[in-house]
Amino acid sequence: MARSVFAALTVAATVVAGPALGADLRYGGNPQFAAAPFSAYNWNGAYVGLNLGYQFGKITNWGAEPDGFAGGLQAGYNWQSGQWVFGAETDLQLSAAEDVFAGYKFSNPWFGTLRGRGGFAFSNVLVYLTVGLAYGGGEAQFAGLSESHTHFGWTMGLGVEVGFTPNWSARAEYLYVDLTDRGYGLTGLGHGFESSLLRFGVNYRF
């Protein structure tokens, strides 16, 4: 799975960063154009954005492997020192990830994260790592009965973000989300949600 995730993120980064790198190549012969407009791109400040992606993973201590589209909102703040960029970000997602195994349906209808970010900027491209806390809802259904719990855990990932104007940027990001076990009376076992999320988003900086 790790190899597939890395390949997917590589393709995503190429899609997001391609136009910006292409612009550098087109104007590379002229120093006036090579330096503008992103040679001193400013990542400082607050931002908000939207994202959409795909979530896939597994239920611990069970055979279900929920997957489905996920999308939501993110907000954060960046501090820049030279080419180094550090920040904090929070997001809240709605997810259609679900699966049925042995007659039991498991789903992860929503989740959120609170993370730190750190990365390196070159031209108008920011490559970063992110790690922090995760929380979300888990639901099990069987024979017309349902049971819901709130789970807590951790998350980590990496991404690439490209600025297209002084205020707007687009990004591709991979997150691994581990929501730890809670006891479910419907199964008599403890279950958690371990999932991967590959998503694309846009941000507006103030």
N, C-alpha and C. Protein backbone atom coordinates (compact mmCIF):
# COMPACT_ATOMS: atom_id res chain seq x y z
N MET A 1 0.82 -1.21 0.00
CA MET A 1 0.00 0.00 0.00
C MET A 1 0.86 1.26 0.00
N ALA A 2 1.99 1.23 0.77
CA ALA A 2 2.83 2.41 0.85
C ALA A 2 3.36 2.81 -0.52
N ARG A 3 3.72 1.80 -1.34
CA ARG A 3 4.23 2.11 -2.67
C ARG A 3 3.15 2.73 -3.54
N SER A 4 1.91 2.22 -3.42
CA SER A 4 0.81 2.78 -4.20
C SER A 4 0.51 4.20 -3.78
N VAL A 5 0.55 4.46 -2.46
CA VAL A 5 0.29 5.82 -1.97
C VAL A 5 1.35 6.78 -2.46
N PHE A 6 2.63 6.36 -2.41
CA PHE A 6 3.71 7.22 -2.87
C PHE A 6 3.55 7.54 -4.35
N ALA A 7 3.19 6.52 -5.15
CA ALA A 7 2.99 6.75 -6.58
C ALA A 7 1.84 7.70 -6.83
N ALA A 8 0.74 7.52 -6.07
CA ALA A 8 -0.40 8.40 -6.25
C ALA A 8 -0.06 9.83 -5.89
N LEU A 9 0.70 10.04 -4.81
CA LEU A 9 1.06 11.39 -4.40
C LEU A 9 2.01 12.02 -5.41
N THR A 10 2.91 11.21 -5.99
CA THR A 10 3.81 11.72 -7.01
C THR A 10 3.05 12.24 -8.21
N VAL A 11 2.05 11.45 -8.66
CA VAL A 11 1.21 11.89 -9.78
C VAL A 11 0.46 13.15 -9.41
N ALA A 12 -0.10 13.18 -8.20
CA ALA A 12 -0.86 14.36 -7.77
C ALA A 12 0.02 15.60 -7.73
N ALA A 13 1.23 15.45 -7.21
CA ALA A 13 2.14 16.59 -7.15
C ALA A 13 2.49 17.09 -8.54
N THR A 14 2.66 16.16 -9.49
CA THR A 14 2.96 16.55 -10.86
C THR A 14 1.82 17.34 -11.46
N VAL A 15 0.58 16.88 -11.20
CA VAL A 15 -0.59 17.58 -11.73
C VAL A 15 -0.68 18.99 -11.17
N VAL A 16 -0.46 19.13 -9.85
CA VAL A 16 -0.60 20.44 -9.22
C VAL A 16 0.54 21.37 -9.59
N ALA A 17 1.77 20.84 -9.57
CA ALA A 17 2.93 21.69 -9.78
C ALA A 17 3.28 21.90 -11.24
N GLY A 18 2.75 21.06 -12.12
CA GLY A 18 3.11 21.12 -13.53
C GLY A 18 2.98 22.47 -14.18
N PRO A 19 1.82 23.14 -14.08
CA PRO A 19 1.66 24.44 -14.73
C PRO A 19 2.66 25.48 -14.25
N ALA A 20 2.97 25.47 -12.94
CA ALA A 20 3.90 26.46 -12.42
C ALA A 20 5.31 26.21 -12.94
N LEU A 21 5.73 24.94 -12.94
CA LEU A 21 7.05 24.60 -13.44
C LEU A 21 7.15 24.86 -14.93
N GLY A 22 6.05 24.60 -15.64
CA GLY A 22 6.01 24.87 -17.07
C GLY A 22 6.21 26.35 -17.34
N ALA A 23 5.63 27.19 -16.51
CA ALA A 23 5.78 28.63 -16.71
C ALA A 23 7.23 29.03 -16.54
N ASP A 24 7.93 28.44 -15.56
CA ASP A 24 9.34 28.75 -15.37
C ASP A 24 10.15 28.35 -16.60
N LEU A 25 9.83 27.19 -17.19
CA LEU A 25 10.56 26.74 -18.36
C LEU A 25 10.32 27.65 -19.56
N ARG A 26 9.08 28.10 -19.73
CA ARG A 26 8.76 28.95 -20.88
C ARG A 26 9.51 30.26 -20.84
N TYR A 27 9.72 30.78 -19.61
CA TYR A 27 10.34 32.09 -19.51
C TYR A 27 11.77 32.01 -18.99
N GLY A 28 12.32 30.79 -18.99
CA GLY A 28 13.64 30.60 -18.41
C GLY A 28 14.73 31.36 -19.13
N GLY A 29 14.57 31.68 -20.41
CA GLY A 29 15.61 32.36 -21.15
C GLY A 29 15.70 33.83 -20.86
N ASN A 30 14.75 34.41 -20.18
CA ASN A 30 14.73 35.84 -19.92
C ASN A 30 14.74 36.08 -18.42
N PRO A 31 15.83 36.65 -17.87
CA PRO A 31 15.90 36.83 -16.42
C PRO A 31 14.76 37.67 -15.86
N GLN A 32 14.26 38.63 -16.66
CA GLN A 32 13.17 39.46 -16.17
C GLN A 32 11.93 38.63 -15.85
N PHE A 33 11.65 37.64 -16.72
CA PHE A 33 10.48 36.79 -16.51
C PHE A 33 10.77 35.68 -15.52
N ALA A 34 12.03 35.20 -15.49
CA ALA A 34 12.37 34.09 -14.60
C ALA A 34 12.19 34.50 -13.14
N ALA A 35 12.40 35.77 -12.85
CA ALA A 35 12.30 36.22 -11.46
C ALA A 35 10.89 36.59 -11.06
N ALA A 36 10.00 36.72 -12.03
CA ALA A 36 8.64 37.16 -11.72
C ALA A 36 7.64 36.10 -12.15
N PRO A 37 6.49 35.99 -11.47
CA PRO A 37 6.09 36.80 -10.32
C PRO A 37 6.30 36.08 -8.99
N PHE A 38 6.94 34.89 -8.98
CA PHE A 38 6.90 34.06 -7.79
C PHE A 38 8.25 33.82 -7.13
N SER A 39 9.30 34.54 -7.53
CA SER A 39 10.61 34.24 -6.95
C SER A 39 10.65 34.55 -5.46
N ALA A 40 9.81 35.47 -4.99
CA ALA A 40 9.74 35.79 -3.57
C ALA A 40 8.32 35.58 -3.08
N TYR A 41 7.75 34.46 -3.40
CA TYR A 41 6.37 34.20 -3.05
C TYR A 41 6.19 34.21 -1.54
N ASN A 42 5.13 34.83 -1.07
CA ASN A 42 4.89 35.03 0.35
C ASN A 42 3.84 34.05 0.85
N TRP A 43 4.28 33.11 1.73
CA TRP A 43 3.37 32.13 2.30
C TRP A 43 2.83 32.56 3.66
N ASN A 44 3.26 33.71 4.17
CA ASN A 44 2.83 34.17 5.49
C ASN A 44 1.33 34.42 5.56
N GLY A 45 0.75 34.18 6.73
CA GLY A 45 -0.61 34.64 6.98
C GLY A 45 -1.63 33.54 7.11
N ALA A 46 -2.87 33.98 7.40
CA ALA A 46 -3.99 33.07 7.58
C ALA A 46 -4.59 32.67 6.24
N TYR A 47 -5.22 31.49 6.20
CA TYR A 47 -5.85 31.01 4.97
C TYR A 47 -7.04 30.12 5.32
N VAL A 48 -7.94 30.00 4.37
CA VAL A 48 -9.06 29.06 4.44
C VAL A 48 -9.16 28.37 3.09
N GLY A 49 -9.79 27.18 3.06
CA GLY A 49 -9.87 26.48 1.79
C GLY A 49 -10.86 25.33 1.80
N LEU A 50 -10.96 24.69 0.64
CA LEU A 50 -11.83 23.55 0.41
C LEU A 50 -10.99 22.40 -0.10
N ASN A 51 -11.44 21.15 0.16
CA ASN A 51 -10.73 19.99 -0.36
C ASN A 51 -11.71 18.88 -0.72
N LEU A 52 -11.27 18.01 -1.59
CA LEU A 52 -12.03 16.82 -1.98
C LEU A 52 -11.05 15.71 -2.30
N GLY A 53 -11.36 14.50 -1.81
CA GLY A 53 -10.45 13.39 -2.05
C GLY A 53 -11.12 12.06 -1.86
N TYR A 54 -10.28 11.03 -1.67
CA TYR A 54 -10.78 9.67 -1.53
C TYR A 54 -10.12 9.03 -0.32
N GLN A 55 -10.94 8.38 0.53
CA GLN A 55 -10.49 7.75 1.76
C GLN A 55 -10.62 6.24 1.64
N PHE A 56 -9.58 5.52 2.06
CA PHE A 56 -9.64 4.06 2.04
C PHE A 56 -8.85 3.51 3.22
N GLY A 57 -9.36 2.43 3.82
CA GLY A 57 -8.67 1.89 4.98
C GLY A 57 -9.28 0.61 5.48
N LYS A 58 -9.22 0.41 6.81
CA LYS A 58 -9.73 -0.84 7.39
C LYS A 58 -10.24 -0.58 8.80
N ILE A 59 -11.09 -1.51 9.27
CA ILE A 59 -11.57 -1.52 10.65
C ILE A 59 -10.70 -2.50 11.44
N THR A 60 -10.15 -2.05 12.54
CA THR A 60 -9.33 -2.95 13.34
C THR A 60 -10.19 -4.04 13.98
N ASN A 61 -9.60 -5.22 14.12
CA ASN A 61 -10.26 -6.39 14.72
C ASN A 61 -11.51 -6.82 13.95
N TRP A 62 -11.53 -6.50 12.65
CA TRP A 62 -12.69 -6.87 11.83
C TRP A 62 -12.23 -6.92 10.38
N GLY A 63 -13.07 -7.49 9.51
CA GLY A 63 -12.67 -7.63 8.11
C GLY A 63 -13.13 -6.51 7.20
N ALA A 64 -13.84 -5.52 7.71
CA ALA A 64 -14.36 -4.45 6.87
C ALA A 64 -13.25 -3.51 6.43
N GLU A 65 -13.34 -3.02 5.19
CA GLU A 65 -12.38 -2.08 4.63
C GLU A 65 -13.13 -0.90 4.01
N PRO A 66 -13.55 0.06 4.82
CA PRO A 66 -14.35 1.18 4.30
C PRO A 66 -13.57 2.03 3.30
N ASP A 67 -14.26 2.49 2.28
CA ASP A 67 -13.68 3.45 1.35
C ASP A 67 -14.79 4.31 0.77
N GLY A 68 -14.42 5.49 0.29
CA GLY A 68 -15.39 6.40 -0.30
C GLY A 68 -14.83 7.80 -0.40
N PHE A 69 -15.57 8.69 -1.06
CA PHE A 69 -15.14 10.07 -1.22
C PHE A 69 -15.25 10.82 0.10
N ALA A 70 -14.37 11.80 0.27
CA ALA A 70 -14.38 12.64 1.47
C ALA A 70 -14.05 14.07 1.06
N GLY A 71 -14.70 15.02 1.69
CA GLY A 71 -14.43 16.41 1.39
C GLY A 71 -14.74 17.29 2.57
N GLY A 72 -14.19 18.50 2.57
CA GLY A 72 -14.44 19.38 3.69
C GLY A 72 -13.73 20.70 3.59
N LEU A 73 -13.53 21.32 4.75
CA LEU A 73 -12.95 22.65 4.88
C LEU A 73 -11.66 22.57 5.67
N GLN A 74 -10.72 23.47 5.39
CA GLN A 74 -9.52 23.60 6.18
C GLN A 74 -9.24 25.09 6.42
N ALA A 75 -8.51 25.37 7.50
CA ALA A 75 -8.09 26.72 7.84
C ALA A 75 -6.78 26.63 8.58
N GLY A 76 -5.93 27.64 8.40
CA GLY A 76 -4.64 27.59 9.07
C GLY A 76 -3.91 28.91 9.03
N TYR A 77 -2.67 28.85 9.49
CA TYR A 77 -1.81 30.05 9.50
C TYR A 77 -0.38 29.60 9.25
N ASN A 78 0.33 30.35 8.40
CA ASN A 78 1.72 30.07 8.07
C ASN A 78 2.64 31.16 8.59
N TRP A 79 3.83 30.75 9.03
CA TRP A 79 4.92 31.66 9.33
C TRP A 79 6.09 31.29 8.43
N GLN A 80 6.70 32.26 7.77
CA GLN A 80 7.78 32.00 6.82
C GLN A 80 9.06 32.67 7.28
N SER A 81 10.17 31.91 7.23
CA SER A 81 11.49 32.44 7.52
C SER A 81 12.42 32.01 6.40
N GLY A 82 12.70 32.92 5.48
CA GLY A 82 13.46 32.56 4.29
C GLY A 82 12.65 31.58 3.45
N GLN A 83 13.26 30.43 3.17
CA GLN A 83 12.55 29.41 2.40
C GLN A 83 11.84 28.39 3.28
N TRP A 84 11.96 28.51 4.59
CA TRP A 84 11.29 27.59 5.51
C TRP A 84 9.93 28.14 5.89
N VAL A 85 8.94 27.26 5.87
CA VAL A 85 7.56 27.64 6.19
C VAL A 85 7.04 26.70 7.27
N PHE A 86 6.49 27.28 8.34
CA PHE A 86 5.90 26.51 9.43
C PHE A 86 4.49 27.03 9.68
N GLY A 87 3.62 26.14 10.16
CA GLY A 87 2.25 26.59 10.38
C GLY A 87 1.44 25.60 11.18
N ALA A 88 0.19 25.96 11.38
CA ALA A 88 -0.79 25.11 12.06
C ALA A 88 -2.05 25.09 11.20
N GLU A 89 -2.70 23.93 11.17
CA GLU A 89 -3.90 23.78 10.33
C GLU A 89 -4.91 22.88 11.00
N THR A 90 -6.17 23.20 10.80
CA THR A 90 -7.26 22.33 11.25
C THR A 90 -8.20 22.09 10.08
N ASP A 91 -8.84 20.95 10.06
CA ASP A 91 -9.80 20.66 8.99
C ASP A 91 -10.94 19.80 9.54
N LEU A 92 -12.06 19.84 8.87
CA LEU A 92 -13.21 19.02 9.22
C LEU A 92 -13.76 18.41 7.94
N GLN A 93 -13.94 17.07 7.93
CA GLN A 93 -14.29 16.33 6.73
C GLN A 93 -15.61 15.57 6.90
N LEU A 94 -16.37 15.50 5.85
CA LEU A 94 -17.48 14.56 5.73
C LEU A 94 -17.03 13.43 4.82
N SER A 95 -17.36 12.19 5.17
CA SER A 95 -16.85 11.04 4.43
C SER A 95 -17.97 10.05 4.12
N ALA A 96 -17.89 9.47 2.92
CA ALA A 96 -18.80 8.41 2.51
C ALA A 96 -18.16 7.04 2.65
N ALA A 97 -17.02 6.95 3.37
CA ALA A 97 -16.31 5.68 3.51
C ALA A 97 -17.13 4.70 4.35
N GLU A 98 -17.42 3.52 3.78
CA GLU A 98 -18.18 2.48 4.48
C GLU A 98 -17.91 1.13 3.84
N ASP A 99 -18.22 0.08 4.59
CA ASP A 99 -18.07 -1.28 4.06
C ASP A 99 -18.88 -2.23 4.92
N VAL A 100 -19.31 -3.35 4.30
CA VAL A 100 -20.09 -4.37 5.00
C VAL A 100 -19.28 -5.66 5.04
N PHE A 101 -19.19 -6.26 6.24
CA PHE A 101 -18.48 -7.52 6.40
C PHE A 101 -19.25 -8.36 7.42
N ALA A 102 -19.56 -9.59 7.05
CA ALA A 102 -20.29 -10.53 7.92
C ALA A 102 -21.60 -9.93 8.42
N GLY A 103 -22.24 -9.15 7.57
CA GLY A 103 -23.52 -8.56 7.91
C GLY A 103 -23.45 -7.26 8.69
N TYR A 104 -22.27 -6.86 9.13
CA TYR A 104 -22.08 -5.62 9.88
C TYR A 104 -21.57 -4.52 8.94
N LYS A 105 -22.23 -3.39 9.00
CA LYS A 105 -21.81 -2.23 8.20
C LYS A 105 -21.06 -1.24 9.09
N PHE A 106 -19.85 -0.92 8.71
CA PHE A 106 -19.05 0.08 9.42
C PHE A 106 -18.84 1.30 8.54
N SER A 107 -18.91 2.48 9.14
CA SER A 107 -18.68 3.72 8.40
C SER A 107 -17.97 4.73 9.28
N ASN A 108 -17.32 5.67 8.63
CA ASN A 108 -16.61 6.77 9.28
C ASN A 108 -17.17 8.07 8.70
N PRO A 109 -18.37 8.49 9.14
CA PRO A 109 -19.10 9.56 8.46
C PRO A 109 -18.45 10.93 8.53
N TRP A 110 -17.61 11.17 9.54
CA TRP A 110 -16.94 12.46 9.65
C TRP A 110 -15.65 12.30 10.44
N PHE A 111 -14.71 13.20 10.22
CA PHE A 111 -13.49 13.24 11.01
C PHE A 111 -12.83 14.60 10.83
N GLY A 112 -11.93 14.90 11.72
CA GLY A 112 -11.19 16.16 11.65
C GLY A 112 -9.79 15.98 12.18
N THR A 113 -8.94 16.98 11.93
CA THR A 113 -7.56 16.94 12.41
C THR A 113 -7.14 18.32 12.91
N LEU A 114 -6.14 18.34 13.77
CA LEU A 114 -5.46 19.56 14.21
C LEU A 114 -3.98 19.27 14.13
N ARG A 115 -3.29 19.93 13.19
CA ARG A 115 -1.93 19.52 12.83
C ARG A 115 -0.97 20.69 12.78
N GLY A 116 0.31 20.37 12.94
CA GLY A 116 1.38 21.29 12.60
C GLY A 116 1.88 20.99 11.21
N ARG A 117 2.39 22.00 10.52
CA ARG A 117 2.97 21.82 9.18
C ARG A 117 4.36 22.44 9.16
N GLY A 118 5.26 21.82 8.41
CA GLY A 118 6.58 22.37 8.20
C GLY A 118 7.09 21.97 6.84
N GLY A 119 7.66 22.94 6.12
CA GLY A 119 8.11 22.61 4.78
C GLY A 119 9.12 23.59 4.22
N PHE A 120 9.47 23.36 2.97
CA PHE A 120 10.49 24.14 2.26
C PHE A 120 9.88 24.70 0.99
N ALA A 121 10.05 26.00 0.77
CA ALA A 121 9.48 26.67 -0.41
C ALA A 121 10.58 26.97 -1.41
N PHE A 122 10.27 26.70 -2.67
CA PHE A 122 11.15 27.13 -3.75
C PHE A 122 10.28 27.65 -4.87
N SER A 123 10.64 28.85 -5.37
CA SER A 123 9.77 29.56 -6.30
C SER A 123 8.40 29.67 -5.63
N ASN A 124 7.34 29.29 -6.33
CA ASN A 124 6.00 29.36 -5.75
C ASN A 124 5.49 27.99 -5.31
N VAL A 125 6.39 27.05 -5.04
CA VAL A 125 6.04 25.69 -4.66
C VAL A 125 6.46 25.44 -3.21
N LEU A 126 5.56 24.88 -2.42
CA LEU A 126 5.83 24.51 -1.03
C LEU A 126 5.66 23.01 -0.87
N VAL A 127 6.71 22.33 -0.43
CA VAL A 127 6.67 20.90 -0.11
C VAL A 127 6.72 20.78 1.42
N TYR A 128 5.80 20.01 2.01
CA TYR A 128 5.70 20.03 3.46
C TYR A 128 5.35 18.66 4.04
N LEU A 129 5.66 18.52 5.34
CA LEU A 129 5.23 17.40 6.17
C LEU A 129 4.24 17.93 7.19
N THR A 130 3.35 17.06 7.67
CA THR A 130 2.34 17.48 8.63
C THR A 130 2.06 16.35 9.60
N VAL A 131 1.81 16.69 10.87
CA VAL A 131 1.53 15.68 11.89
C VAL A 131 0.70 16.32 12.99
N GLY A 132 -0.19 15.52 13.61
CA GLY A 132 -0.99 16.08 14.67
C GLY A 132 -2.06 15.12 15.18
N LEU A 133 -3.10 15.71 15.76
CA LEU A 133 -4.19 14.96 16.37
C LEU A 133 -5.32 14.72 15.37
N ALA A 134 -6.06 13.63 15.58
CA ALA A 134 -7.22 13.31 14.75
C ALA A 134 -8.38 12.89 15.63
N TYR A 135 -9.57 13.12 15.15
CA TYR A 135 -10.78 12.70 15.87
C TYR A 135 -11.85 12.44 14.82
N GLY A 136 -12.85 11.65 15.15
CA GLY A 136 -13.89 11.37 14.16
C GLY A 136 -14.95 10.43 14.69
N GLY A 137 -16.00 10.28 13.91
CA GLY A 137 -17.11 9.44 14.28
C GLY A 137 -17.00 8.06 13.66
N GLY A 138 -17.38 7.05 14.43
CA GLY A 138 -17.48 5.69 13.94
C GLY A 138 -18.89 5.17 14.14
N GLU A 139 -19.38 4.41 13.17
CA GLU A 139 -20.74 3.88 13.28
C GLU A 139 -20.77 2.43 12.82
N ALA A 140 -21.44 1.59 13.60
CA ALA A 140 -21.66 0.19 13.24
C ALA A 140 -23.16 -0.07 13.17
N GLN A 141 -23.57 -0.86 12.18
CA GLN A 141 -24.99 -1.20 12.01
C GLN A 141 -25.12 -2.70 11.78
N PHE A 142 -26.17 -3.28 12.41
CA PHE A 142 -26.42 -4.71 12.24
C PHE A 142 -27.88 -4.99 12.58
N ALA A 143 -28.57 -5.67 11.67
CA ALA A 143 -29.95 -6.12 11.88
C ALA A 143 -30.87 -4.99 12.34
N GLY A 144 -30.72 -3.82 11.72
CA GLY A 144 -31.57 -2.69 12.06
C GLY A 144 -31.13 -1.90 13.27
N LEU A 145 -30.07 -2.35 13.96
CA LEU A 145 -29.54 -1.64 15.11
C LEU A 145 -28.30 -0.85 14.69
N SER A 146 -28.05 0.26 15.37
CA SER A 146 -26.86 1.05 15.07
C SER A 146 -26.20 1.52 16.36
N GLU A 147 -24.91 1.75 16.29
CA GLU A 147 -24.13 2.19 17.43
C GLU A 147 -23.06 3.16 16.94
N SER A 148 -22.94 4.31 17.62
CA SER A 148 -21.99 5.35 17.21
C SER A 148 -21.08 5.71 18.36
N HIS A 149 -19.83 6.04 18.02
CA HIS A 149 -18.85 6.50 19.00
C HIS A 149 -17.99 7.58 18.39
N THR A 150 -17.41 8.42 19.24
CA THR A 150 -16.40 9.38 18.81
C THR A 150 -15.03 8.81 19.15
N HIS A 151 -14.15 8.77 18.16
CA HIS A 151 -12.81 8.22 18.31
C HIS A 151 -11.78 9.35 18.30
N PHE A 152 -10.65 9.11 18.98
CA PHE A 152 -9.53 10.05 18.95
C PHE A 152 -8.28 9.29 18.53
N GLY A 153 -7.32 10.02 17.96
CA GLY A 153 -6.10 9.36 17.52
C GLY A 153 -5.10 10.37 16.98
N TRP A 154 -4.38 9.98 15.95
CA TRP A 154 -3.32 10.82 15.41
C TRP A 154 -3.30 10.73 13.89
N THR A 155 -2.57 11.64 13.27
CA THR A 155 -2.46 11.66 11.81
C THR A 155 -1.10 12.20 11.40
N MET A 156 -0.64 11.80 10.24
CA MET A 156 0.58 12.36 9.66
C MET A 156 0.50 12.24 8.15
N GLY A 157 1.26 13.07 7.45
CA GLY A 157 1.22 13.03 6.00
C GLY A 157 2.20 13.99 5.37
N LEU A 158 2.04 14.20 4.08
CA LEU A 158 2.90 15.09 3.32
C LEU A 158 2.11 15.64 2.15
N GLY A 159 2.60 16.74 1.60
CA GLY A 159 1.88 17.36 0.50
C GLY A 159 2.73 18.34 -0.26
N VAL A 160 2.15 18.88 -1.32
CA VAL A 160 2.78 19.93 -2.12
C VAL A 160 1.71 20.96 -2.44
N GLU A 161 2.08 22.24 -2.30
CA GLU A 161 1.14 23.33 -2.55
C GLU A 161 1.79 24.32 -3.50
N VAL A 162 1.01 24.83 -4.44
CA VAL A 162 1.51 25.72 -5.48
C VAL A 162 0.69 27.00 -5.48
N GLY A 163 1.36 28.16 -5.38
CA GLY A 163 0.68 29.43 -5.45
C GLY A 163 0.52 29.88 -6.89
N PHE A 164 -0.72 30.23 -7.28
CA PHE A 164 -0.98 30.69 -8.64
C PHE A 164 -1.18 32.20 -8.71
N THR A 165 -1.61 32.80 -7.62
CA THR A 165 -1.72 34.25 -7.49
C THR A 165 -1.22 34.58 -6.09
N PRO A 166 -1.05 35.86 -5.75
CA PRO A 166 -0.61 36.18 -4.39
C PRO A 166 -1.54 35.65 -3.30
N ASN A 167 -2.81 35.41 -3.62
CA ASN A 167 -3.78 34.97 -2.60
C ASN A 167 -4.25 33.54 -2.76
N TRP A 168 -4.17 32.97 -3.96
CA TRP A 168 -4.74 31.65 -4.23
C TRP A 168 -3.65 30.62 -4.46
N SER A 169 -3.88 29.41 -3.92
CA SER A 169 -2.97 28.28 -4.14
C SER A 169 -3.77 27.00 -4.26
N ALA A 170 -3.16 25.99 -4.86
CA ALA A 170 -3.76 24.66 -4.98
C ALA A 170 -2.78 23.65 -4.41
N ARG A 171 -3.31 22.53 -3.91
CA ARG A 171 -2.42 21.56 -3.31
C ARG A 171 -2.94 20.13 -3.48
N ALA A 172 -1.99 19.20 -3.34
CA ALA A 172 -2.29 17.77 -3.25
C ALA A 172 -1.68 17.27 -1.96
N GLU A 173 -2.41 16.41 -1.23
CA GLU A 173 -1.97 16.01 0.10
C GLU A 173 -2.36 14.56 0.38
N TYR A 174 -1.46 13.85 1.05
CA TYR A 174 -1.76 12.51 1.55
C TYR A 174 -1.72 12.54 3.06
N LEU A 175 -2.75 11.97 3.71
CA LEU A 175 -2.79 11.83 5.16
C LEU A 175 -3.05 10.38 5.55
N TYR A 176 -2.34 9.91 6.57
CA TYR A 176 -2.68 8.65 7.22
C TYR A 176 -3.38 9.02 8.52
N VAL A 177 -4.58 8.48 8.75
CA VAL A 177 -5.37 8.80 9.93
C VAL A 177 -5.62 7.53 10.73
N ASP A 178 -5.25 7.55 12.01
CA ASP A 178 -5.43 6.40 12.90
C ASP A 178 -6.35 6.82 14.04
N LEU A 179 -7.62 6.37 13.98
CA LEU A 179 -8.58 6.61 15.05
C LEU A 179 -8.62 5.36 15.92
N THR A 180 -8.20 5.49 17.17
CA THR A 180 -7.95 4.32 18.02
C THR A 180 -9.25 3.64 18.45
N ASP A 181 -9.08 2.42 18.98
CA ASP A 181 -10.21 1.53 19.28
C ASP A 181 -11.16 2.09 20.34
N ARG A 182 -12.44 1.83 20.11
CA ARG A 182 -13.49 2.00 21.11
C ARG A 182 -14.29 0.71 21.16
N GLY A 183 -14.87 0.41 22.30
CA GLY A 183 -15.66 -0.80 22.43
C GLY A 183 -17.02 -0.66 21.77
N TYR A 184 -17.41 -1.66 20.97
CA TYR A 184 -18.71 -1.68 20.30
C TYR A 184 -19.53 -2.85 20.83
N GLY A 185 -20.69 -2.53 21.44
CA GLY A 185 -21.54 -3.57 21.99
C GLY A 185 -22.11 -4.49 20.93
N LEU A 186 -22.30 -3.99 19.70
CA LEU A 186 -22.88 -4.82 18.64
C LEU A 186 -22.00 -6.00 18.28
N THR A 187 -20.68 -5.83 18.42
CA THR A 187 -19.76 -6.93 18.08
C THR A 187 -19.11 -7.53 19.32
N GLY A 188 -19.15 -6.81 20.43
CA GLY A 188 -18.46 -7.28 21.63
C GLY A 188 -16.96 -7.12 21.55
N LEU A 189 -16.49 -6.28 20.62
CA LEU A 189 -15.06 -6.07 20.40
C LEU A 189 -14.75 -4.58 20.35
N GLY A 190 -13.46 -4.28 20.44
CA GLY A 190 -13.00 -2.92 20.24
C GLY A 190 -12.61 -2.71 18.79
N HIS A 191 -13.05 -1.59 18.21
CA HIS A 191 -12.76 -1.30 16.80
C HIS A 191 -12.27 0.13 16.64
N GLY A 192 -11.34 0.30 15.73
CA GLY A 192 -10.85 1.61 15.35
C GLY A 192 -10.82 1.72 13.84
N PHE A 193 -10.48 2.91 13.34
CA PHE A 193 -10.45 3.18 11.91
C PHE A 193 -9.04 3.60 11.52
N GLU A 194 -8.41 2.83 10.65
CA GLU A 194 -7.10 3.17 10.10
C GLU A 194 -7.29 3.43 8.62
N SER A 195 -7.02 4.65 8.19
CA SER A 195 -7.34 4.99 6.80
C SER A 195 -6.30 5.91 6.19
N SER A 196 -6.27 5.91 4.88
CA SER A 196 -5.45 6.82 4.09
C SER A 196 -6.38 7.75 3.33
N LEU A 197 -5.95 9.00 3.19
CA LEU A 197 -6.73 10.01 2.48
C LEU A 197 -5.84 10.72 1.48
N LEU A 198 -6.20 10.65 0.22
CA LEU A 198 -5.53 11.41 -0.84
C LEU A 198 -6.50 12.47 -1.31
N ARG A 199 -6.11 13.74 -1.17
CA ARG A 199 -7.06 14.80 -1.49
C ARG A 199 -6.39 15.97 -2.20
N PHE A 200 -7.22 16.71 -2.91
CA PHE A 200 -6.81 17.93 -3.60
C PHE A 200 -7.59 19.10 -3.00
N GLY A 201 -6.97 20.27 -2.98
CA GLY A 201 -7.66 21.41 -2.39
C GLY A 201 -7.18 22.74 -2.94
N VAL A 202 -7.92 23.77 -2.59
CA VAL A 202 -7.54 25.14 -2.90
C VAL A 202 -7.58 25.95 -1.61
N ASN A 203 -6.70 26.95 -1.49
CA ASN A 203 -6.63 27.82 -0.34
C ASN A 203 -6.67 29.27 -0.77
N TYR A 204 -7.29 30.09 0.05
CA TYR A 204 -7.25 31.54 -0.14
C TYR A 204 -6.58 32.16 1.07
N ARG A 205 -5.47 32.90 0.85
CA ARG A 205 -4.75 33.56 1.93
C ARG A 205 -5.17 35.01 2.04
N PHE A 206 -5.32 35.48 3.28
CA PHE A 206 -5.76 36.85 3.53
C PHE A 206 -4.58 37.82 3.55
